[in-house]
Amino acid sequence: MKRNRKLVAWFAALVMVLGVVSTASAQIFTGRVDVTIEDTTGGRLPGVSVDLTGPVNQTQVSDAQGQVHFLNLPVGTYAIKASLSGFNPYNNPEVAVASGSATPVAIKLGVAGTAETVNVTAATPIIDIRRETTTTNVTLEELQNIPSARDPWVVMQTVPTIYVDRVNVGGSESGQQSNYIGKGSFGTDNTWNIDGVPVTDMGATGSTPTYYDFDMFQEMAITTGGADAQNPTPGVQLNLILKKGSNQIHGDARYYFENENLQGNNMDPTLAKTIGGAYQPCIDSGYTQHCGNRTDIYKDYGFDLGGPLLKDKVWVWGTIGETNPRIRTLIGTLDETVLKNYAFKGDAQVNPSVRGNFTFFEGNKVKNGRGASATHPDETTWDQTGPTKYYKGEGNFTVGQNLFASARYAYISGGFQLSPRGGVDTPFYKDDSGVWHNSYYFYSTTRPQYFAGGDASYFKGKHEVKFGFSYRKTPVDSLSTVTGPNRIMTFWNGYPDLIAQAQQDYVVSSEGKYTQGFVTDTISMNRLTLMAGVRFDHQTSSILPSTAPAVAGFPLLPAATATAVNNAYDFNNVTPRVGITYALDDSRKTIARVSYAMFASQLPGNAAGFVSGIQPYTYVYYNAVDRTSTGAPCTLAQGQAKSNGCNGYADLNEVLFSQGVQGSNVVDLSHPGVFTSNNKISDITAPRTQEIMGGVDHELMANFGVSATMTYRYMNNFLWNPRNGVTPASYVQNGTALNVPVTGAPNVPIYRATSALPGYTAVNRPDYHQRYLGFEATATKRMSNHWMARAGFATTSWNEYFSAADARLDLTPTPNASGQYQSFQSAGPNIDGGPVVVKSSGSGKSSIYLLPPKYQFTANGLYEGPWGINVGANLLFRQGYGEPYFRSKVNPGDPVVSSKSVLLTTSVDQFRLDAVTSLDARVEKMFKFQKTNLALDFDIFNIANNATVLGNQYDARTGTAFNTVQEIMQPRIARLGVRFFF
């Protein structure tokens, strides 16, 4: 511990000496140009004046090694001029800079008088010999010209090793975040960055705190692995690079539109009759139109403008945009979203050595009908509100010829509210078919973020030393409430029999703190590049005082108070990174690379809630019977019609208190009314991932490169919360779960614990690990000769392994995911050597189970034809989602859990849905004027009008609803668009 603290102090002191305070990922959202200057004999030339012009302008003089390094460059195209007395000047107007990459420029100067100025028109190399990561750079040309749903998640889906939990046809899913998985990494390890500042929501760890205007991006960089010590986690690292002002005035405006009249119908009439009856237009058309998951209307419009406020000194840029996707679920429930975005960026060149900028961004999501699905009709959906604001100040500094530094500070005001459309005073219930009614939870949260840090690069001979330090604080305050006067959530249990679950409000006030530092040394030796680095992360999660009110009518749920616990979780990790790249030829067109990296998973800011006196899902439940106004048990017809006093939910006077408590969670029935947490945290460390990666990159021709990569990952140290006093010997078989014909498997054994002590203990899961093995191949053609393209293929395997009984305890198979930060109840699937499954959540995606696809192929491209006619296409083809049939609410007679979900198949991937194929196309007419352009776009999504099933009802407890379709792909739809830009 003392050693780690000394390391942190060393980093902090070093940064303070340099006068730098910025992020540890400065180079990730910007790029660089490395210039090497020689004479015609191969001798290095010092003292050469090199001018770089473009989005920013800089001038440097080559050092004793004949080298110049331009760092922290905004992405874009630059021109380079070089001159030295006695030599002919050099000019290259086409030097491309991408985020997170290094562009090499080799200059040879001839003696004056032997030739004129050397004008270079050849393309800069597409292969980066210094890169130690698998990173996909999606340029502005691709973002704007490839037909897509226009949000960050569909862009990430074009990376073949990333799989997403939904199919976004024409922007239909852009009103809600997607769940996505990288190379054997969980969503909690995904990170989001805006212009180098981490903005990941640590209250819903791995997600973004806001939504975006798609036209505000200059580029996106997506990293899925590698040895760069600046990458904090093994998850998907997304860097969003905003546009900026320059000396040239530039701007664009757009309007995109879709509606029902531009849409086909892909619903089978037989299927429509079974589930579409709730949607009147579907009935009126005889089940031939307006059926299935559909887009009601889609609009996307806005503009941005940038240019010089003071030429060569001050530049500004701003944007206003709004996106409005309005869709209908399989049963016709409306889900409407309005995304409003505003942004401003100002840059200033104070002097040749100091450059700074300020950025403001506001994203507000107003959503009516969040969570709408076949099991969530309108009154059980949420209305969402709550803007997020982002403020960032940045400074970039050049000290002499060898030291470059960057500095940032940022504040993000995050938070939102989910109000159930059925009202906060209305009790809600779930019927025997698994459908919710009346209302749903109320939820509100505030999640501000504070960030500061620093990094720098120092050059000496063949060495480049990078080092950085950052600090981040992420408080989270949240309230979750069951609606209704008595906080009763009702489950039908063979109506009119009910389960009445009284649940306490969940109030959490927590704070995450993150201190990070890194240092790397990159050694360049002709064709060989070596990189060695180390990263340090100190992560803590604390809880602050909070109080939850008593639940009226339930003495076992009195008011509860949580006392402060400082640094309940306290992780220190030192993770090494090593990489080697080697150019197989002098032209550096073929690069072999191998790397090793260790990652520590990021700690959710609200993780300390585990030891709070106020726990999530603190409840007791009783039997109940829904009765008529005369006291007789209700009939099913009366309950469905809500007649004769039958309302479908348990009123307080219908609860059968005389039969006693049937089950509870968190509540200690032996000490009723006492809410001191029995949960404990042992001496644990962060989950850990070790990665070995090898591959080859090759430039086939100018602007065209291919790449192949093999990745192996070993993950262990997962956090697990087993019940106190429980060992493998505590469990005995307690019957079987009867199977159903669709699974064709034998009956599944159910186990129960014979004894347990109150509370849980957080430990590193013993004798348990996961392994990932994946192969990916990509091809990238930059825009040249009127066409561009990008394609990729991946095959992946991600499995879990149990080395001893302690790793499982309960042998009951379950469909639940095996995640990093999980309770004992949600650990699963509990099948040794079986695949890891991740259940989706959010926006009604409860029936989507993500399994690693054995195949996924993505491709897109654009061809600029004659007469201003341009054609583009976008293709996704991958293996289907999992079908883990199970039975929920199985009572094992267990003191650890009151009910279980039991997997009814031999493996979680025994059944899969059909493969997903989505093909989109664009035909564009471009009008080019002297300084402006006008584009008329006609896009078609889901050209084949596929109706691929995306989710079924897998719960056998739902009776006749079991195995019915819950979601299909949206049908073919056309989008009309007009763009004006200059």
Foldseek 3Di string as FASTA:
>chain_A
DVVQVVVLVVQVVVCVVVVFKAALCLQQQWFKEKEFEEAPVRHADWQKWKWKDDQATAIDTADPRNMFMGGSHHFDFIKMWIDDPQWAIEIERGFGTFGNAYFYDYYYTYGPPPDHYHYDDFHTDPDGLPDFFPKDKFAPCNLPPFDDLQFVVRVVVQAFQKDWQDDQWNVQPLQWDIAMWGFLAHLLQAWEEESRHTQAFLQPHNDHQFTDQSVQFRMKMWTQDGFPQSRFFNTIYIYTYGDWAAADKWKKKKKKKFAQVQFADQDDQVQCVVQQPLAVVCVVVSNHGPAAKAWHMKMKIWMKIKHAPPHSFKIKIKIWIKIWTWIAHRHGAIKIKIKTKIKMKMKGDPDSFKIKMKMKMKIWMFIQFWQDFSQEHRQAGWTKTDMKMKIKIKMWGDDHRFKIKMWMWMKMKGWMWTAGNLGQAWAKEAELQRHIDRTFKTKIKIKMKIKMKIKMWGDDVQKIKIKMKMKMKIKMWMKIAGGHQQRWYWYDDPPLKIKTKRFWIFTWIKMKMKIKMKMKMWGDDQFKIKMKMKMKMKMFMKTDKDKTAARPLDQLGHIWIWHIDGRLDIAIDMKIKIKMKGQPDNVSQKIKMKIKIKHFGHNRRRLNLQQTLRHPQWIWIAMFGFAFPVRHGDDPVCCVVVPRVGPVGDDSVRGPCVVPTLDGPQRDPVDGPDRRAPEHEDPAHTKMKMKIKIWMKGAPDRQKIKIKMKMKMKIFQFKEWDFAPAALVQKDWQDFDDFDVVQPDHTFTFIAGNDTDRYIYIGGQPQKMKMKIKMKMKMWGPDDPQKTKIKMKMFMAMFMAGRDRSNQSTQFAALAFCHRSDYNQRHDNNDHGAWTWHAIDIRNRRFFIDTGWRMKMWMKMKGQDPQQKIKIKIKIKTWFTWQFAWAWQCARVYPRHRIHIGTNHPGRRPDGFGIDIKMKMKIWHWDDDDPKIKIKIKMKIRVVQDFGQRGAQRHVSSPPRHRRGIHTDYGIGIMIMMMMID
